């Protein structure tokens, strides 16, 4: 019975994956517009951020939509198919759980933020208004 349930959910995931990705592309909305100087400051701040994610994870899609809406250039790291990114996530953050935003502070220390709602709230607070 356990095997049947496992294959059911794998099949369901395979069927829904294209729709999840299509929804991300179509449902993004218009990106936030900033002046060239403001965007340059935002891009500079985003160099200290990295998003560890799985491509088809719905919670990762939620964060990527927020990143697109806020017009942020945050590096996205595939923790599902890239062993080195997976290892970094496990060693730095303590879990292989996505989405996870790695924030490098001014003093060089790192903060690992899990949970899509927390990440989106932090991004909105940090970048939602002009810098």
C-alpha atoms as a PDB file:
ATOM      1  CA  UNK A   1       0.000   0.000   0.000  1.00  0.00           C
ATOM      2  CA  UNK A   2       2.811   2.379   0.874  1.00  0.00           C
ATOM      3  CA  UNK A   3       4.352   1.829  -2.571  1.00  0.00           C
ATOM      4  CA  UNK A   4       1.044   2.649  -4.287  1.00  0.00           C
ATOM      5  CA  UNK A   5       0.737   5.914  -2.354  1.00  0.00           C
ATOM      6  CA  UNK A   6       4.337   6.839  -3.172  1.00  0.00           C
ATOM      7  CA  UNK A   7       3.820   6.252  -6.905  1.00  0.00           C
ATOM      8  CA  UNK A   8       0.511   8.111  -6.840  1.00  0.00           C
ATOM      9  CA  UNK A   9       2.170  11.251  -5.476  1.00  0.00           C
ATOM     10  CA  UNK A  10       5.141  10.958  -7.822  1.00  0.00           C
ATOM     11  CA  UNK A  11       2.768  10.726 -10.774  1.00  0.00           C
ATOM     12  CA  UNK A  12       0.715  13.629  -9.478  1.00  0.00           C
ATOM     13  CA  UNK A  13       3.877  15.707  -9.104  1.00  0.00           C
ATOM     14  CA  UNK A  14       4.920  14.876 -12.679  1.00  0.00           C
ATOM     15  CA  UNK A  15       1.515  15.922 -13.991  1.00  0.00           C
ATOM     16  CA  UNK A  16       1.348  19.183 -12.013  1.00  0.00           C
ATOM     17  CA  UNK A  17       4.943  20.351 -12.578  1.00  0.00           C
ATOM     18  CA  UNK A  18       4.347  22.028 -15.967  1.00  0.00           C
ATOM     19  CA  UNK A  19       1.315  23.863 -14.574  1.00  0.00           C
ATOM     20  CA  UNK A  20       3.267  25.122 -11.543  1.00  0.00           C
ATOM     21  CA  UNK A  21       6.041  26.464 -13.785  1.00  0.00           C
ATOM     22  CA  UNK A  22       3.577  27.984 -16.253  1.00  0.00           C
ATOM     23  CA  UNK A  23       1.731  29.679 -13.402  1.00  0.00           C
ATOM     24  CA  UNK A  24       5.011  31.219 -12.255  1.00  0.00           C
ATOM     25  CA  UNK A  25       5.688  32.664 -15.708  1.00  0.00           C
ATOM     26  CA  UNK A  26       2.159  33.968 -16.295  1.00  0.00           C
ATOM     27  CA  UNK A  27       1.278  35.156 -12.797  1.00  0.00           C
ATOM     28  CA  UNK A  28       4.258  37.342 -12.030  1.00  0.00           C
ATOM     29  CA  UNK A  29       2.693  40.740 -12.574  1.00  0.00           C
ATOM     30  CA  UNK A  30       4.563  43.926 -13.379  1.00  0.00           C
ATOM     31  CA  UNK A  31       7.971  44.323 -11.712  1.00  0.00           C
ATOM     32  CA  UNK A  32       8.616  47.254  -9.404  1.00  0.00           C
ATOM     33  CA  UNK A  33      10.181  50.164 -11.272  1.00  0.00           C
ATOM     34  CA  UNK A  34      13.023  52.157  -9.803  1.00  0.00           C
ATOM     35  CA  UNK A  35      15.339  54.861 -11.069  1.00  0.00           C
ATOM     36  CA  UNK A  36      18.664  53.650 -12.474  1.00  0.00           C
ATOM     37  CA  UNK A  37      20.509  54.804  -9.343  1.00  0.00           C
ATOM     38  CA  UNK A  38      18.063  53.081  -6.987  1.00  0.00           C
ATOM     39  CA  UNK A  39      18.215  49.859  -9.042  1.00  0.00           C
ATOM     40  CA  UNK A  40      22.012  49.980  -8.890  1.00  0.00           C
ATOM     41  CA  UNK A  41      21.855  50.185  -5.083  1.00  0.00           C
ATOM     42  CA  UNK A  42      19.357  47.308  -4.955  1.00  0.00           C
ATOM     43  CA  UNK A  43      21.535  45.186  -7.262  1.00  0.00           C
ATOM     44  CA  UNK A  44      24.533  45.868  -5.031  1.00  0.00           C
ATOM     45  CA  UNK A  45      22.591  44.782  -1.939  1.00  0.00           C
ATOM     46  CA  UNK A  46      21.352  41.640  -3.738  1.00  0.00           C
ATOM     47  CA  UNK A  47      24.940  40.488  -4.351  1.00  0.00           C
ATOM     48  CA  UNK A  48      24.984  39.406  -0.702  1.00  0.00           C
ATOM     49  CA  UNK A  49      21.914  37.178  -1.108  1.00  0.00           C
ATOM     50  CA  UNK A  50      21.426  33.656  -2.483  1.00  0.00           C
ATOM     51  CA  UNK A  51      18.213  31.661  -2.719  1.00  0.00           C
ATOM     52  CA  UNK A  52      18.548  27.892  -2.290  1.00  0.00           C
ATOM     53  CA  UNK A  53      15.583  26.295  -4.030  1.00  0.00           C
ATOM     54  CA  UNK A  54      14.044  23.422  -5.954  1.00  0.00           C
ATOM     55  CA  UNK A  55      12.699  24.393  -9.360  1.00  0.00           C
ATOM     56  CA  UNK A  56       9.191  22.953  -8.916  1.00  0.00           C
ATOM     57  CA  UNK A  57       8.668  23.502  -5.191  1.00  0.00           C
ATOM     58  CA  UNK A  58       5.494  25.615  -4.823  1.00  0.00           C
ATOM     59  CA  UNK A  59       6.964  27.525  -1.885  1.00  0.00           C
ATOM     60  CA  UNK A  60      10.075  28.314  -3.932  1.00  0.00           C
ATOM     61  CA  UNK A  61       7.826  29.496  -6.765  1.00  0.00           C
ATOM     62  CA  UNK A  62       6.141  31.829  -4.277  1.00  0.00           C
ATOM     63  CA  UNK A  63       9.507  33.355  -3.314  1.00  0.00           C
ATOM     64  CA  UNK A  64      10.677  33.598  -6.944  1.00  0.00           C
ATOM     65  CA  UNK A  65       7.468  35.476  -7.792  1.00  0.00           C
ATOM     66  CA  UNK A  66       8.213  37.951  -5.001  1.00  0.00           C
ATOM     67  CA  UNK A  67      11.770  38.344  -6.282  1.00  0.00           C
ATOM     68  CA  UNK A  68      10.466  39.042  -9.792  1.00  0.00           C
ATOM     69  CA  UNK A  69       7.798  41.459  -8.492  1.00  0.00           C
ATOM     70  CA  UNK A  70      10.404  43.409  -6.540  1.00  0.00           C
ATOM     71  CA  UNK A  71      12.784  43.363  -9.538  1.00  0.00           C
ATOM     72  CA  UNK A  72      15.651  41.781  -7.579  1.00  0.00           C
ATOM     73  CA  UNK A  73      18.741  40.114  -9.035  1.00  0.00           C
ATOM     74  CA  UNK A  74      19.217  37.405  -6.424  1.00  0.00           C
ATOM     75  CA  UNK A  75      21.334  34.367  -7.283  1.00  0.00           C
ATOM     76  CA  UNK A  76      19.240  31.199  -7.367  1.00  0.00           C
ATOM     77  CA  UNK A  77      20.963  27.980  -6.356  1.00  0.00           C
ATOM     78  CA  UNK A  78      19.483  24.596  -7.227  1.00  0.00           C
ATOM     79  CA  UNK A  79      19.771  22.499  -4.068  1.00  0.00           C
ATOM     80  CA  UNK A  80      17.979  19.574  -5.691  1.00  0.00           C
ATOM     81  CA  UNK A  81      20.265  18.811  -8.637  1.00  0.00           C
ATOM     82  CA  UNK A  82      23.538  20.497  -7.635  1.00  0.00           C
ATOM     83  CA  UNK A  83      25.375  18.506  -4.916  1.00  0.00           C
ATOM     84  CA  UNK A  84      27.658  21.399  -3.928  1.00  0.00           C
ATOM     85  CA  UNK A  85      24.704  23.753  -3.362  1.00  0.00           C
ATOM     86  CA  UNK A  86      22.913  21.023  -1.410  1.00  0.00           C
ATOM     87  CA  UNK A  87      25.991  20.548   0.792  1.00  0.00           C
ATOM     88  CA  UNK A  88      26.332  24.318   1.359  1.00  0.00           C
ATOM     89  CA  UNK A  89      22.681  24.467   2.415  1.00  0.00           C
ATOM     90  CA  UNK A  90      23.021  21.533   4.788  1.00  0.00           C
ATOM     91  CA  UNK A  91      26.256  22.732   6.375  1.00  0.00           C
ATOM     92  CA  UNK A  92      25.413  26.424   6.546  1.00  0.00           C
ATOM     93  CA  UNK A  93      21.706  26.347   7.286  1.00  0.00           C
ATOM     94  CA  UNK A  94      21.558  23.045   9.114  1.00  0.00           C
ATOM     95  CA  UNK A  95      18.777  21.548   6.946  1.00  0.00           C
ATOM     96  CA  UNK A  96      18.188  20.576   3.350  1.00  0.00           C
ATOM     97  CA  UNK A  97      14.918  22.479   3.332  1.00  0.00           C
ATOM     98  CA  UNK A  98      13.836  24.958   0.695  1.00  0.00           C
ATOM     99  CA  UNK A  99      13.307  27.767   0.090  1.00  0.00           C
ATOM    100  CA  UNK A 100      16.201  29.176   2.066  1.00  0.00           C
ATOM    101  CA  UNK A 101      17.646  32.654   1.685  1.00  0.00           C
ATOM    102  CA  UNK A 102      21.300  33.053   2.637  1.00  0.00           C
ATOM    103  CA  UNK A 103      22.003  36.592   3.770  1.00  0.00           C
ATOM    104  CA  UNK A 104      25.637  37.649   4.105  1.00  0.00           C
ATOM    105  CA  UNK A 105      25.874  40.501   6.611  1.00  0.00           C
ATOM    106  CA  UNK A 106      28.298  43.416   6.448  1.00  0.00           C
ATOM    107  CA  UNK A 107      30.563  41.767   9.034  1.00  0.00           C
ATOM    108  CA  UNK A 108      30.786  38.604   6.897  1.00  0.00           C
ATOM    109  CA  UNK A 109      28.494  36.504   9.087  1.00  0.00           C
ATOM    110  CA  UNK A 110      25.718  34.558   7.415  1.00  0.00           C
ATOM    111  CA  UNK A 111      22.045  34.301   8.268  1.00  0.00           C
ATOM    112  CA  UNK A 112      19.983  31.433   6.827  1.00  0.00           C
ATOM    113  CA  UNK A 113      16.281  32.237   6.519  1.00  0.00           C
ATOM    114  CA  UNK A 114      13.787  29.447   5.905  1.00  0.00           C
ATOM    115  CA  UNK A 115      10.011  29.625   5.276  1.00  0.00           C
ATOM    116  CA  UNK A 116       8.644  31.335   2.183  1.00  0.00           C
ATOM    117  CA  UNK A 117       6.402  33.720   4.149  1.00  0.00           C
ATOM    118  CA  UNK A 118       9.338  34.913   6.278  1.00  0.00           C
ATOM    119  CA  UNK A 119      11.558  35.345   3.219  1.00  0.00           C
ATOM    120  CA  UNK A 120       8.863  37.264   1.329  1.00  0.00           C
ATOM    121  CA  UNK A 121       8.175  39.521   4.326  1.00  0.00           C
ATOM    122  CA  UNK A 122      11.897  40.248   4.726  1.00  0.00           C
ATOM    123  CA  UNK A 123      12.303  41.002   1.000  1.00  0.00           C
ATOM    124  CA  UNK A 124       9.261  43.309   1.064  1.00  0.00           C
ATOM    125  CA  UNK A 125      10.547  45.143   4.131  1.00  0.00           C
ATOM    126  CA  UNK A 126      14.081  45.445   2.744  1.00  0.00           C
ATOM    127  CA  UNK A 127      13.369  46.156  -0.941  1.00  0.00           C
ATOM    128  CA  UNK A 128       9.656  46.968  -1.241  1.00  0.00           C
ATOM    129  CA  UNK A 129      10.234  50.659  -0.739  1.00  0.00           C
ATOM    130  CA  UNK A 130      12.965  52.668  -2.380  1.00  0.00           C
ATOM    131  CA  UNK A 131      16.308  52.455  -0.637  1.00  0.00           C
END
